[in-house]
Amino acid sequence: QDMTEKELLKMELDQLKKEVKNERQMVSKTGKEIKEYIESMSGEDPLLKGVPEDKNPFKEKGGCTIS
């Protein structure tokens, strides 16, 4: 891109102004909350549970026979 150094610095400053407004929390607290959420939703996770054959959009529709 053809941006001047001043324009790049202005973009960086704008980004930092946005980031400073974000509420920050301790990893020890949020990590526990994320772990609890993941464990509570694991029963519905198709990567862990699998997808039922009748609802699998990628299931082969039919076979091919060569005679």
PDB file of N, CA and C in Angstrom:
ATOM      1  N   GLN A   1       0.828  -1.180   0.000  1.00  0.00           N
ATOM      2  CA  GLN A   1       0.000   0.000   0.000  1.00  0.00           C
ATOM      3  C   GLN A   1       0.876   1.249   0.000  1.00  0.00           C
ATOM      4  N   ASP A   2       0.349   2.288  -0.554  1.00  0.00           N
ATOM      5  CA  ASP A   2       1.081   3.547  -0.624  1.00  0.00           C
ATOM      6  C   ASP A   2       0.630   4.484   0.488  1.00  0.00           C
ATOM      7  N   MET A   3       0.953   4.105   1.721  1.00  0.00           N
ATOM      8  CA  MET A   3       0.572   4.944   2.857  1.00  0.00           C
ATOM      9  C   MET A   3       1.824   5.613   3.403  1.00  0.00           C
ATOM     10  N   THR A   4       1.658   6.839   3.790  1.00  0.00           N
ATOM     11  CA  THR A   4       2.789   7.549   4.373  1.00  0.00           C
ATOM     12  C   THR A   4       3.014   7.054   5.797  1.00  0.00           C
ATOM     13  N   GLU A   5       4.171   7.366   6.314  1.00  0.00           N
ATOM     14  CA  GLU A   5       4.478   6.964   7.690  1.00  0.00           C
ATOM     15  C   GLU A   5       3.495   7.604   8.661  1.00  0.00           C
ATOM     16  N   LYS A   6       3.091   8.833   8.369  1.00  0.00           N
ATOM     17  CA  LYS A   6       2.131   9.525   9.232  1.00  0.00           C
ATOM     18  C   LYS A   6       0.795   8.791   9.249  1.00  0.00           C
ATOM     19  N   GLU A   7       0.333   8.333   8.094  1.00  0.00           N
ATOM     20  CA  GLU A   7      -0.935   7.604   8.019  1.00  0.00           C
ATOM     21  C   GLU A   7      -0.838   6.282   8.773  1.00  0.00           C
ATOM     22  N   LEU A   8       0.290   5.604   8.653  1.00  0.00           N
ATOM     23  CA  LEU A   8       0.475   4.341   9.373  1.00  0.00           C
ATOM     24  C   LEU A   8       0.477   4.560  10.882  1.00  0.00           C
ATOM     25  N   LEU A   9       1.151   5.604  11.318  1.00  0.00           N
ATOM     26  CA  LEU A   9       1.180   5.903  12.749  1.00  0.00           C
ATOM     27  C   LEU A   9      -0.206   6.286  13.263  1.00  0.00           C
ATOM     28  N   LYS A  10      -0.983   6.999  12.452  1.00  0.00           N
ATOM     29  CA  LYS A  10      -2.344   7.364  12.849  1.00  0.00           C
ATOM     30  C   LYS A  10      -3.215   6.115  12.990  1.00  0.00           C
ATOM     31  N   MET A  11      -3.063   5.182  12.043  1.00  0.00           N
ATOM     32  CA  MET A  11      -3.823   3.922  12.133  1.00  0.00           C
ATOM     33  C   MET A  11      -3.450   3.157  13.392  1.00  0.00           C
ATOM     34  N   GLU A  12      -2.161   3.096  13.688  1.00  0.00           N
ATOM     35  CA  GLU A  12      -1.708   2.389  14.888  1.00  0.00           C
ATOM     36  C   GLU A  12      -2.243   3.065  16.144  1.00  0.00           C
ATOM     37  N   LEU A  13      -2.223   4.393  16.171  1.00  0.00           N
ATOM     38  CA  LEU A  13      -2.748   5.132  17.316  1.00  0.00           C
ATOM     39  C   LEU A  13      -4.242   4.872  17.493  1.00  0.00           C
ATOM     40  N   ASP A  14      -4.996   4.871  16.414  1.00  0.00           N
ATOM     41  CA  ASP A  14      -6.433   4.589  16.489  1.00  0.00           C
ATOM     42  C   ASP A  14      -6.682   3.191  17.039  1.00  0.00           C
ATOM     43  N   GLN A  15      -5.883   2.223  16.598  1.00  0.00           N
ATOM     44  CA  GLN A  15      -6.028   0.852  17.080  1.00  0.00           C
ATOM     45  C   GLN A  15      -5.734   0.774  18.572  1.00  0.00           C
ATOM     46  N   LEU A  16      -4.674   1.432  19.013  1.00  0.00           N
ATOM     47  CA  LEU A  16      -4.325   1.420  20.434  1.00  0.00           C
ATOM     48  C   LEU A  16      -5.406   2.083  21.279  1.00  0.00           C
ATOM     49  N   LYS A  17      -6.036   3.137  20.756  1.00  0.00           N
ATOM     50  CA  LYS A  17      -7.135   3.786  21.478  1.00  0.00           C
ATOM     51  C   LYS A  17      -8.308   2.826  21.656  1.00  0.00           C
ATOM     52  N   LYS A  18      -8.578   2.005  20.640  1.00  0.00           N
ATOM     53  CA  LYS A  18      -9.651   1.008  20.745  1.00  0.00           C
ATOM     54  C   LYS A  18      -9.289  -0.068  21.761  1.00  0.00           C
ATOM     55  N   GLU A  19      -8.045  -0.518  21.729  1.00  0.00           N
ATOM     56  CA  GLU A  19      -7.620  -1.602  22.606  1.00  0.00           C
ATOM     57  C   GLU A  19      -7.601  -1.192  24.068  1.00  0.00           C
ATOM     58  N   VAL A  20      -7.282   0.060  24.347  1.00  0.00           N
ATOM     59  CA  VAL A  20      -7.207   0.506  25.735  1.00  0.00           C
ATOM     60  C   VAL A  20      -8.591   0.512  26.390  1.00  0.00           C
ATOM     61  N   LYS A  21      -9.642   0.575  25.596  1.00  0.00           N
ATOM     62  CA  LYS A  21     -11.012   0.576  26.123  1.00  0.00           C
ATOM     63  C   LYS A  21     -11.492  -0.824  26.507  1.00  0.00           C
ATOM     64  N   ASN A  22     -10.812  -1.859  26.024  1.00  0.00           N
ATOM     65  CA  ASN A  22     -11.229  -3.232  26.323  1.00  0.00           C
ATOM     66  C   ASN A  22     -11.044  -3.539  27.805  1.00  0.00           C
ATOM     67  N   GLU A  23     -12.059  -4.165  28.375  1.00  0.00           N
ATOM     68  CA  GLU A  23     -11.959  -4.581  29.770  1.00  0.00           C
ATOM     69  C   GLU A  23     -11.041  -5.799  29.850  1.00  0.00           C
ATOM     70  N   ARG A  24     -10.133  -5.780  30.778  1.00  0.00           N
ATOM     71  CA  ARG A  24      -9.181  -6.883  30.923  1.00  0.00           C
ATOM     72  C   ARG A  24      -9.511  -7.672  32.181  1.00  0.00           C
ATOM     73  N   GLN A  25      -9.285  -8.988  32.101  1.00  0.00           N
ATOM     74  CA  GLN A  25      -9.541  -9.851  33.240  1.00  0.00           C
ATOM     75  C   GLN A  25      -8.370 -10.806  33.413  1.00  0.00           C
ATOM     76  N   MET A  26      -8.254 -11.337  34.610  1.00  0.00           N
ATOM     77  CA  MET A  26      -7.167 -12.261  34.923  1.00  0.00           C
ATOM     78  C   MET A  26      -7.371 -13.570  34.158  1.00  0.00           C
ATOM     79  N   VAL A  27      -6.282 -14.114  33.631  1.00  0.00           N
ATOM     80  CA  VAL A  27      -6.343 -15.377  32.909  1.00  0.00           C
ATOM     81  C   VAL A  27      -6.792 -16.495  33.839  1.00  0.00           C
ATOM     82  N   SER A  28      -6.414 -16.428  35.111  1.00  0.00           N
ATOM     83  CA  SER A  28      -6.819 -17.463  36.059  1.00  0.00           C
ATOM     84  C   SER A  28      -8.343 -17.545  36.177  1.00  0.00           C
ATOM     85  N   LYS A  29      -9.030 -16.435  36.011  1.00  0.00           N
ATOM     86  CA  LYS A  29     -10.494 -16.432  36.084  1.00  0.00           C
ATOM     87  C   LYS A  29     -11.106 -16.844  34.745  1.00  0.00           C
ATOM     88  N   THR A  30     -10.686 -16.213  33.677  1.00  0.00           N
ATOM     89  CA  THR A  30     -11.297 -16.479  32.377  1.00  0.00           C
ATOM     90  C   THR A  30     -10.961 -17.879  31.878  1.00  0.00           C
ATOM     91  N   GLY A  31      -9.771 -18.365  32.179  1.00  0.00           N
ATOM     92  CA  GLY A  31      -9.406 -19.723  31.769  1.00  0.00           C
ATOM     93  C   GLY A  31     -10.336 -20.758  32.382  1.00  0.00           C
ATOM     94  N   LYS A  32     -10.654 -20.568  33.651  1.00  0.00           N
ATOM     95  CA  LYS A  32     -11.574 -21.486  34.335  1.00  0.00           C
ATOM     96  C   LYS A  32     -12.967 -21.425  33.694  1.00  0.00           C
ATOM     97  N   GLU A  33     -13.430 -20.212  33.384  1.00  0.00           N
ATOM     98  CA  GLU A  33     -14.750 -20.050  32.768  1.00  0.00           C
ATOM     99  C   GLU A  33     -14.791 -20.699  31.379  1.00  0.00           C
ATOM    100  N   ILE A  34     -13.743 -20.529  30.612  1.00  0.00           N
ATOM    101  CA  ILE A  34     -13.685 -21.137  29.279  1.00  0.00           C
ATOM    102  C   ILE A  34     -13.694 -22.655  29.388  1.00  0.00           C
ATOM    103  N   LYS A  35     -12.931 -23.198  30.326  1.00  0.00           N
ATOM    104  CA  LYS A  35     -12.885 -24.651  30.515  1.00  0.00           C
ATOM    105  C   LYS A  35     -14.262 -25.188  30.900  1.00  0.00           C
ATOM    106  N   GLU A  36     -14.944 -24.511  31.806  1.00  0.00           N
ATOM    107  CA  GLU A  36     -16.280 -24.948  32.226  1.00  0.00           C
ATOM    108  C   GLU A  36     -17.260 -24.898  31.062  1.00  0.00           C
ATOM    109  N   TYR A  37     -17.186 -23.850  30.245  1.00  0.00           N
ATOM    110  CA  TYR A  37     -18.075 -23.723  29.095  1.00  0.00           C
ATOM    111  C   TYR A  37     -17.827 -24.859  28.102  1.00  0.00           C
ATOM    112  N   ILE A  38     -16.566 -25.130  27.806  1.00  0.00           N
ATOM    113  CA  ILE A  38     -16.230 -26.187  26.853  1.00  0.00           C
ATOM    114  C   ILE A  38     -16.721 -27.540  27.354  1.00  0.00           C
ATOM    115  N   GLU A  39     -16.512 -27.807  28.632  1.00  0.00           N
ATOM    116  CA  GLU A  39     -16.968 -29.085  29.196  1.00  0.00           C
ATOM    117  C   GLU A  39     -18.492 -29.186  29.183  1.00  0.00           C
ATOM    118  N   SER A  40     -19.193 -28.080  29.422  1.00  0.00           N
ATOM    119  CA  SER A  40     -20.653 -28.133  29.449  1.00  0.00           C
ATOM    120  C   SER A  40     -21.228 -28.326  28.045  1.00  0.00           C
ATOM    121  N   MET A  41     -20.532 -27.876  27.008  1.00  0.00           N
ATOM    122  CA  MET A  41     -21.017 -27.981  25.634  1.00  0.00           C
ATOM    123  C   MET A  41     -20.475 -29.205  24.900  1.00  0.00           C
ATOM    124  N   SER A  42     -19.641 -29.997  25.547  1.00  0.00           N
ATOM    125  CA  SER A  42     -19.002 -31.119  24.854  1.00  0.00           C
ATOM    126  C   SER A  42     -20.005 -32.173  24.385  1.00  0.00           C
ATOM    127  N   GLY A  43     -21.141 -32.292  25.050  1.00  0.00           N
ATOM    128  CA  GLY A  43     -22.149 -33.263  24.632  1.00  0.00           C
ATOM    129  C   GLY A  43     -22.797 -32.926  23.301  1.00  0.00           C
ATOM    130  N   GLU A  44     -22.756 -31.669  22.924  1.00  0.00           N
ATOM    131  CA  GLU A  44     -23.366 -31.226  21.671  1.00  0.00           C
ATOM    132  C   GLU A  44     -22.336 -30.988  20.572  1.00  0.00           C
ATOM    133  N   ASP A  45     -21.074 -31.238  20.856  1.00  0.00           N
ATOM    134  CA  ASP A  45     -20.002 -30.952  19.894  1.00  0.00           C
ATOM    135  C   ASP A  45     -19.921 -32.057  18.842  1.00  0.00           C
ATOM    136  N   PRO A  46     -20.186 -31.727  17.568  1.00  0.00           N
ATOM    137  CA  PRO A  46     -20.157 -32.757  16.535  1.00  0.00           C
ATOM    138  C   PRO A  46     -18.759 -33.331  16.297  1.00  0.00           C
ATOM    139  N   LEU A  47     -17.714 -32.597  16.657  1.00  0.00           N
ATOM    140  CA  LEU A  47     -16.363 -33.131  16.497  1.00  0.00           C
ATOM    141  C   LEU A  47     -16.074 -34.234  17.515  1.00  0.00           C
ATOM    142  N   LEU A  48     -16.709 -34.149  18.674  1.00  0.00           N
ATOM    143  CA  LEU A  48     -16.522 -35.181  19.695  1.00  0.00           C
ATOM    144  C   LEU A  48     -17.569 -36.285  19.582  1.00  0.00           C
ATOM    145  N   LYS A  49     -18.800 -35.886  19.315  1.00  0.00           N
ATOM    146  CA  LYS A  49     -19.934 -36.808  19.308  1.00  0.00           C
ATOM    147  C   LYS A  49     -20.135 -37.484  17.956  1.00  0.00           C
ATOM    148  N   GLY A  50     -19.793 -36.784  16.895  1.00  0.00           N
ATOM    149  CA  GLY A  50     -20.049 -37.298  15.559  1.00  0.00           C
ATOM    150  C   GLY A  50     -21.362 -36.760  15.022  1.00  0.00           C
ATOM    151  N   VAL A  51     -21.541 -36.858  13.734  1.00  0.00           N
ATOM    152  CA  VAL A  51     -22.745 -36.357  13.075  1.00  0.00           C
ATOM    153  C   VAL A  51     -23.607 -37.558  12.688  1.00  0.00           C
ATOM    154  N   PRO A  52     -24.910 -37.537  13.011  1.00  0.00           N
ATOM    155  CA  PRO A  52     -25.775 -38.639  12.609  1.00  0.00           C
ATOM    156  C   PRO A  52     -25.791 -38.778  11.075  1.00  0.00           C
ATOM    157  N   GLU A  53     -25.834 -39.989  10.600  1.00  0.00           N
ATOM    158  CA  GLU A  53     -25.779 -40.249   9.155  1.00  0.00           C
ATOM    159  C   GLU A  53     -26.887 -39.534   8.393  1.00  0.00           C
ATOM    160  N   ASP A  54     -28.089 -39.431   8.981  1.00  0.00           N
ATOM    161  CA  ASP A  54     -29.196 -38.798   8.265  1.00  0.00           C
ATOM    162  C   ASP A  54     -29.056 -37.272   8.186  1.00  0.00           C
ATOM    163  N   LYS A  55     -28.192 -36.681   9.007  1.00  0.00           N
ATOM    164  CA  LYS A  55     -28.003 -35.236   8.990  1.00  0.00           C
ATOM    165  C   LYS A  55     -26.639 -34.822   8.435  1.00  0.00           C
ATOM    166  N   ASN A  56     -25.885 -35.763   7.938  1.00  0.00           N
ATOM    167  CA  ASN A  56     -24.557 -35.480   7.420  1.00  0.00           C
ATOM    168  C   ASN A  56     -24.655 -34.991   5.972  1.00  0.00           C
ATOM    169  N   PRO A  57     -24.377 -33.700   5.712  1.00  0.00           N
ATOM    170  CA  PRO A  57     -24.488 -33.186   4.348  1.00  0.00           C
ATOM    171  C   PRO A  57     -23.397 -33.709   3.413  1.00  0.00           C
ATOM    172  N   PHE A  58     -22.350 -34.301   3.958  1.00  0.00           N
ATOM    173  CA  PHE A  58     -21.232 -34.775   3.144  1.00  0.00           C
ATOM    174  C   PHE A  58     -21.288 -36.273   2.882  1.00  0.00           C
ATOM    175  N   LYS A  59     -22.360 -36.903   3.335  1.00  0.00           N
ATOM    176  CA  LYS A  59     -22.530 -38.336   3.132  1.00  0.00           C
ATOM    177  C   LYS A  59     -22.691 -38.616   1.641  1.00  0.00           C
ATOM    178  N   GLU A  60     -22.065 -39.680   1.174  1.00  0.00           N
ATOM    179  CA  GLU A  60     -22.185 -40.032  -0.229  1.00  0.00           C
ATOM    180  C   GLU A  60     -23.631 -40.396  -0.532  1.00  0.00           C
ATOM    181  N   LYS A  61     -24.160 -39.847  -1.619  1.00  0.00           N
ATOM    182  CA  LYS A  61     -25.563 -40.052  -1.973  1.00  0.00           C
ATOM    183  C   LYS A  61     -25.806 -41.432  -2.562  1.00  0.00           C
ATOM    184  N   GLY A  62     -24.869 -41.922  -3.270  1.00  0.00           N
ATOM    185  CA  GLY A  62     -25.048 -43.226  -3.875  1.00  0.00           C
ATOM    186  C   GLY A  62     -23.710 -43.759  -4.361  1.00  0.00           C
ATOM    187  N   GLY A  63     -23.700 -44.998  -4.681  1.00  0.00           N
ATOM    188  CA  GLY A  63     -22.464 -45.598  -5.134  1.00  0.00           C
ATOM    189  C   GLY A  63     -22.389 -45.638  -6.644  1.00  0.00           C
ATOM    190  N   CYS A  64     -21.267 -46.048  -7.133  1.00  0.00           N
ATOM    191  CA  CYS A  64     -21.034 -46.157  -8.566  1.00  0.00           C
ATOM    192  C   CYS A  64     -20.590 -47.594  -8.833  1.00  0.00           C
ATOM    193  N   THR A  65     -21.233 -48.226  -9.783  1.00  0.00           N
ATOM    194  CA  THR A  65     -20.829 -49.590 -10.131  1.00  0.00           C
ATOM    195  C   THR A  65     -20.318 -49.606 -11.569  1.00  0.00           C
ATOM    196  N   ILE A  66     -19.247 -50.323 -11.745  1.00  0.00           N
ATOM    197  CA  ILE A  66     -18.660 -50.464 -13.068  1.00  0.00           C
ATOM    198  C   ILE A  66     -18.834 -51.921 -13.478  1.00  0.00           C
ATOM    199  N   SER A  67     -19.437 -52.134 -14.636  1.00  0.00           N
ATOM    200  CA  SER A  67     -19.657 -53.505 -15.070  1.00  0.00           C
ATOM    201  C   SER A  67     -18.914 -53.821 -16.338  1.00  0.00           C
TER     202      SER A  67
END
